[in-house]
Amino acid sequence: MPEKIYCLIRKEWVKITPEERVRQGVIALMTQKLGYPINLIAVEKSLQQLPHLEKNHRLPLRRADVLCFAKSADSLYPLLLIECKAVKLNAKVINQVVGYNHFVKARYVAVVNADEVLTGWRDSKTKSYRFIKGLPPYSELIQGASVLSERME
């Protein structure tokens, strides 16, 4: 019988793989230390399952490892898209999450492995993504990229 780990978000036992171990680690960090609301996190959802995407567009057959939403006055919007990997983080991994975000349109993206977390956002001046080490608390992401930019200086 394969080893299993309980997923707080999916509320079920899932098979432990190296990537699943990374995913559950980042979910624990988010919910237990960084103030991310459990009820605003989705795990392993295909793009077709995301409520904010228009279904009349042809969406690629991709899935979001972890997607955290935020609330506006009357709706939810995608705040943070996370790609979990069991390999070293590199340009290919970053390009993957940025490519997914072309469709998801989250304000922030992150790539995570067992040793490292990089969080990024699209800089409107340079038209490219900027990344910082670590995963900021939920409250900082809600405040905006200007708060995160201070970490870079």
C-alpha atoms as a PDB file:
ATOM      1  CA  MET A   1       0.000   0.000   0.000  1.00  0.00           C
ATOM      2  CA  PRO A   2       1.502   3.370  -1.003  1.00  0.00           C
ATOM      3  CA  GLU A   3       2.256   5.944   1.657  1.00  0.00           C
ATOM      4  CA  LYS A   4      -0.329   8.702   1.901  1.00  0.00           C
ATOM      5  CA  ILE A   5      -0.467  12.214   3.286  1.00  0.00           C
ATOM      6  CA  TYR A   6      -3.567  14.182   4.285  1.00  0.00           C
ATOM      7  CA  CYS A   7      -4.347  17.279   2.210  1.00  0.00           C
ATOM      8  CA  LEU A   8      -6.038  20.024   4.264  1.00  0.00           C
ATOM      9  CA  ILE A   9      -7.439  21.650   1.153  1.00  0.00           C
ATOM     10  CA  ARG A  10      -8.787  18.594  -0.692  1.00  0.00           C
ATOM     11  CA  LYS A  11      -9.797  17.013   2.640  1.00  0.00           C
ATOM     12  CA  GLU A  12      -8.561  13.606   1.562  1.00  0.00           C
ATOM     13  CA  TRP A  13      -5.562  11.304   1.756  1.00  0.00           C
ATOM     14  CA  VAL A  14      -3.331  11.509  -1.327  1.00  0.00           C
ATOM     15  CA  LYS A  15      -0.394   9.422  -2.475  1.00  0.00           C
ATOM     16  CA  ILE A  16       2.973  10.811  -1.403  1.00  0.00           C
ATOM     17  CA  THR A  17       5.180  11.690  -4.341  1.00  0.00           C
ATOM     18  CA  PRO A  18       8.180  14.031  -4.182  1.00  0.00           C
ATOM     19  CA  GLU A  19       6.041  16.814  -5.708  1.00  0.00           C
ATOM     20  CA  GLU A  20       3.129  16.117  -3.342  1.00  0.00           C
ATOM     21  CA  ARG A  21       5.496  16.387  -0.384  1.00  0.00           C
ATOM     22  CA  VAL A  22       6.531  19.863  -1.647  1.00  0.00           C
ATOM     23  CA  ARG A  23       2.882  20.842  -2.215  1.00  0.00           C
ATOM     24  CA  GLN A  24       1.790  19.801   1.275  1.00  0.00           C
ATOM     25  CA  GLY A  25       4.798  21.560   2.793  1.00  0.00           C
ATOM     26  CA  VAL A  26       3.931  24.857   1.118  1.00  0.00           C
ATOM     27  CA  ILE A  27       0.247  24.499   2.043  1.00  0.00           C
ATOM     28  CA  ALA A  28       1.242  23.973   5.696  1.00  0.00           C
ATOM     29  CA  LEU A  29       3.515  27.038   5.557  1.00  0.00           C
ATOM     30  CA  MET A  30       0.777  29.136   3.958  1.00  0.00           C
ATOM     31  CA  THR A  31      -2.006  28.161   6.338  1.00  0.00           C
ATOM     32  CA  GLN A  32      -0.132  27.709   9.616  1.00  0.00           C
ATOM     33  CA  LYS A  33       2.445  30.512   9.492  1.00  0.00           C
ATOM     34  CA  LEU A  34       1.590  33.035   6.772  1.00  0.00           C
ATOM     35  CA  GLY A  35      -2.138  33.648   7.260  1.00  0.00           C
ATOM     36  CA  TYR A  36      -3.518  32.249   3.988  1.00  0.00           C
ATOM     37  CA  PRO A  37      -7.204  31.353   4.450  1.00  0.00           C
ATOM     38  CA  ILE A  38      -7.793  27.631   3.849  1.00  0.00           C
ATOM     39  CA  ASN A  39     -11.166  28.339   2.233  1.00  0.00           C
ATOM     40  CA  LEU A  40      -9.517  30.515  -0.456  1.00  0.00           C
ATOM     41  CA  ILE A  41      -6.979  27.914  -1.618  1.00  0.00           C
ATOM     42  CA  ALA A  42      -7.520  25.475  -4.496  1.00  0.00           C
ATOM     43  CA  VAL A  43      -5.227  22.518  -5.195  1.00  0.00           C
ATOM     44  CA  GLU A  44      -4.611  20.692  -8.470  1.00  0.00           C
ATOM     45  CA  LYS A  45      -7.470  22.303 -10.378  1.00  0.00           C
ATOM     46  CA  SER A  46      -7.522  22.231 -14.147  1.00  0.00           C
ATOM     47  CA  LEU A  47      -7.849  25.603 -15.853  1.00  0.00           C
ATOM     48  CA  GLN A  48     -11.321  24.515 -16.994  1.00  0.00           C
ATOM     49  CA  GLN A  49     -12.358  24.170 -13.322  1.00  0.00           C
ATOM     50  CA  LEU A  50     -11.357  27.696 -12.321  1.00  0.00           C
ATOM     51  CA  PRO A  51     -14.484  29.785 -11.757  1.00  0.00           C
ATOM     52  CA  HIS A  52     -13.037  33.111 -12.912  1.00  0.00           C
ATOM     53  CA  LEU A  53     -11.993  31.919 -16.393  1.00  0.00           C
ATOM     54  CA  GLU A  54     -14.371  32.257 -19.317  1.00  0.00           C
ATOM     55  CA  LYS A  55     -15.298  28.807 -20.533  1.00  0.00           C
ATOM     56  CA  ASN A  56     -15.884  29.940 -24.122  1.00  0.00           C
ATOM     57  CA  HIS A  57     -12.124  30.371 -24.698  1.00  0.00           C
ATOM     58  CA  ARG A  58     -10.051  27.340 -25.574  1.00  0.00           C
ATOM     59  CA  LEU A  59      -8.075  26.742 -22.416  1.00  0.00           C
ATOM     60  CA  PRO A  60      -5.040  24.484 -22.497  1.00  0.00           C
ATOM     61  CA  LEU A  61      -5.156  21.189 -20.607  1.00  0.00           C
ATOM     62  CA  ARG A  62      -3.104  22.406 -17.668  1.00  0.00           C
ATOM     63  CA  ARG A  63      -3.663  22.391 -13.952  1.00  0.00           C
ATOM     64  CA  ALA A  64      -2.750  24.766 -11.167  1.00  0.00           C
ATOM     65  CA  ASP A  65      -0.770  23.087  -8.375  1.00  0.00           C
ATOM     66  CA  VAL A  66      -1.881  25.644  -5.778  1.00  0.00           C
ATOM     67  CA  LEU A  67      -4.015  28.722  -6.411  1.00  0.00           C
ATOM     68  CA  CYS A  68      -4.921  31.177  -3.673  1.00  0.00           C
ATOM     69  CA  PHE A  69      -7.775  33.619  -4.191  1.00  0.00           C
ATOM     70  CA  ALA A  70      -8.576  36.949  -2.550  1.00  0.00           C
ATOM     71  CA  LYS A  71     -11.934  38.642  -2.076  1.00  0.00           C
ATOM     72  CA  SER A  72     -12.985  41.910  -3.645  1.00  0.00           C
ATOM     73  CA  ALA A  73     -16.266  43.584  -2.773  1.00  0.00           C
ATOM     74  CA  ASP A  74     -18.451  41.038  -4.555  1.00  0.00           C
ATOM     75  CA  SER A  75     -16.234  38.349  -6.034  1.00  0.00           C
ATOM     76  CA  LEU A  76     -13.042  36.319  -5.816  1.00  0.00           C
ATOM     77  CA  TYR A  77      -9.931  36.946  -7.882  1.00  0.00           C
ATOM     78  CA  PRO A  78      -6.747  34.893  -8.285  1.00  0.00           C
ATOM     79  CA  LEU A  79      -4.038  36.248  -6.013  1.00  0.00           C
ATOM     80  CA  LEU A  80      -1.209  33.693  -6.085  1.00  0.00           C
ATOM     81  CA  LEU A  81      -0.450  30.830  -8.477  1.00  0.00           C
ATOM     82  CA  ILE A  82       2.131  28.335  -7.178  1.00  0.00           C
ATOM     83  CA  GLU A  83       3.986  25.699  -9.174  1.00  0.00           C
ATOM     84  CA  CYS A  84       5.450  22.915  -7.009  1.00  0.00           C
ATOM     85  CA  LYS A  85       8.485  20.987  -8.189  1.00  0.00           C
ATOM     86  CA  ALA A  86      10.628  18.146  -6.908  1.00  0.00           C
ATOM     87  CA  VAL A  87      13.562  19.422  -8.985  1.00  0.00           C
ATOM     88  CA  LYS A  88      15.905  22.405  -8.833  1.00  0.00           C
ATOM     89  CA  LEU A  89      14.237  25.724  -9.615  1.00  0.00           C
ATOM     90  CA  ASN A  90      15.451  27.169 -12.901  1.00  0.00           C
ATOM     91  CA  ALA A  91      14.354  29.344 -15.818  1.00  0.00           C
ATOM     92  CA  LYS A  92      12.275  26.505 -17.312  1.00  0.00           C
ATOM     93  CA  VAL A  93      10.249  26.172 -14.086  1.00  0.00           C
ATOM     94  CA  ILE A  94       9.756  29.941 -13.878  1.00  0.00           C
ATOM     95  CA  ASN A  95       8.677  30.072 -17.529  1.00  0.00           C
ATOM     96  CA  GLN A  96       6.159  27.296 -16.830  1.00  0.00           C
ATOM     97  CA  VAL A  97       4.391  29.187 -14.032  1.00  0.00           C
ATOM     98  CA  VAL A  98       4.508  32.467 -15.984  1.00  0.00           C
ATOM     99  CA  GLY A  99       3.009  30.650 -18.990  1.00  0.00           C
ATOM    100  CA  TYR A 100       0.194  29.206 -16.865  1.00  0.00           C
ATOM    101  CA  ASN A 101      -0.411  32.632 -15.416  1.00  0.00           C
ATOM    102  CA  HIS A 102      -1.049  34.009 -18.889  1.00  0.00           C
ATOM    103  CA  PHE A 103      -4.417  32.233 -18.544  1.00  0.00           C
ATOM    104  CA  VAL A 104      -4.950  32.347 -14.761  1.00  0.00           C
ATOM    105  CA  LYS A 105      -4.024  36.028 -14.397  1.00  0.00           C
ATOM    106  CA  ALA A 106      -3.035  35.855 -10.731  1.00  0.00           C
ATOM    107  CA  ARG A 107      -1.367  38.967  -9.330  1.00  0.00           C
ATOM    108  CA  TYR A 108       1.564  36.859  -8.090  1.00  0.00           C
ATOM    109  CA  VAL A 109       3.274  33.629  -9.022  1.00  0.00           C
ATOM    110  CA  ALA A 110       5.602  31.403  -7.042  1.00  0.00           C
ATOM    111  CA  VAL A 111       7.785  28.393  -7.712  1.00  0.00           C
ATOM    112  CA  VAL A 112       8.549  26.049  -4.849  1.00  0.00           C
ATOM    113  CA  ASN A 113      10.718  23.003  -4.232  1.00  0.00           C
ATOM    114  CA  ALA A 114      11.875  21.324  -1.021  1.00  0.00           C
ATOM    115  CA  ASP A 115      14.673  23.876  -0.521  1.00  0.00           C
ATOM    116  CA  GLU A 116      13.565  27.121  -2.088  1.00  0.00           C
ATOM    117  CA  VAL A 117      10.621  29.441  -2.743  1.00  0.00           C
ATOM    118  CA  LEU A 118      10.633  32.291  -5.254  1.00  0.00           C
ATOM    119  CA  THR A 119       7.676  34.681  -5.444  1.00  0.00           C
ATOM    120  CA  GLY A 120       7.211  36.981  -8.417  1.00  0.00           C
ATOM    121  CA  TRP A 121       4.958  39.566  -9.987  1.00  0.00           C
ATOM    122  CA  ARG A 122       4.794  41.363 -13.306  1.00  0.00           C
ATOM    123  CA  ASP A 123       6.509  44.741 -13.133  1.00  0.00           C
ATOM    124  CA  SER A 124       4.407  47.185 -15.160  1.00  0.00           C
ATOM    125  CA  LYS A 125       7.433  49.386 -15.925  1.00  0.00           C
ATOM    126  CA  THR A 126       9.767  46.693 -17.242  1.00  0.00           C
ATOM    127  CA  LYS A 127       6.997  44.389 -18.545  1.00  0.00           C
ATOM    128  CA  SER A 128       8.819  41.445 -16.987  1.00  0.00           C
ATOM    129  CA  TYR A 129       8.544  39.404 -13.814  1.00  0.00           C
ATOM    130  CA  ARG A 130      10.496  40.306 -10.671  1.00  0.00           C
ATOM    131  CA  PHE A 131      11.181  37.639  -8.065  1.00  0.00           C
ATOM    132  CA  ILE A 132      12.072  37.644  -4.400  1.00  0.00           C
ATOM    133  CA  LYS A 133      13.151  34.743  -2.205  1.00  0.00           C
ATOM    134  CA  GLY A 134      10.536  33.348   0.114  1.00  0.00           C
ATOM    135  CA  LEU A 135       6.770  33.418   0.302  1.00  0.00           C
ATOM    136  CA  PRO A 136       5.299  36.598   1.795  1.00  0.00           C
ATOM    137  CA  PRO A 137       2.370  36.508   4.212  1.00  0.00           C
ATOM    138  CA  TYR A 138      -1.114  36.727   2.713  1.00  0.00           C
ATOM    139  CA  SER A 139      -1.540  40.233   4.149  1.00  0.00           C
ATOM    140  CA  GLU A 140       1.512  41.510   2.229  1.00  0.00           C
ATOM    141  CA  LEU A 141       0.230  40.124  -1.073  1.00  0.00           C
ATOM    142  CA  ILE A 142      -3.087  41.842  -0.467  1.00  0.00           C
ATOM    143  CA  GLN A 143      -1.224  45.133   0.152  1.00  0.00           C
ATOM    144  CA  GLY A 144       0.467  44.939  -3.234  1.00  0.00           C
ATOM    145  CA  ALA A 145       3.744  44.632  -5.106  1.00  0.00           C
ATOM    146  CA  SER A 146       5.115  47.912  -3.767  1.00  0.00           C
ATOM    147  CA  VAL A 147       5.410  46.284  -0.326  1.00  0.00           C
ATOM    148  CA  LEU A 148       7.293  43.336  -1.870  1.00  0.00           C
ATOM    149  CA  SER A 149       9.568  45.610  -3.889  1.00  0.00           C
ATOM    150  CA  GLU A 150      10.888  47.044  -0.615  1.00  0.00           C
ATOM    151  CA  ARG A 151      12.301  43.599   0.168  1.00  0.00           C
ATOM    152  CA  MET A 152      14.463  43.836  -2.958  1.00  0.00           C
ATOM    153  CA  GLU A 153      16.112  47.109  -2.023  1.00  0.00           C
END
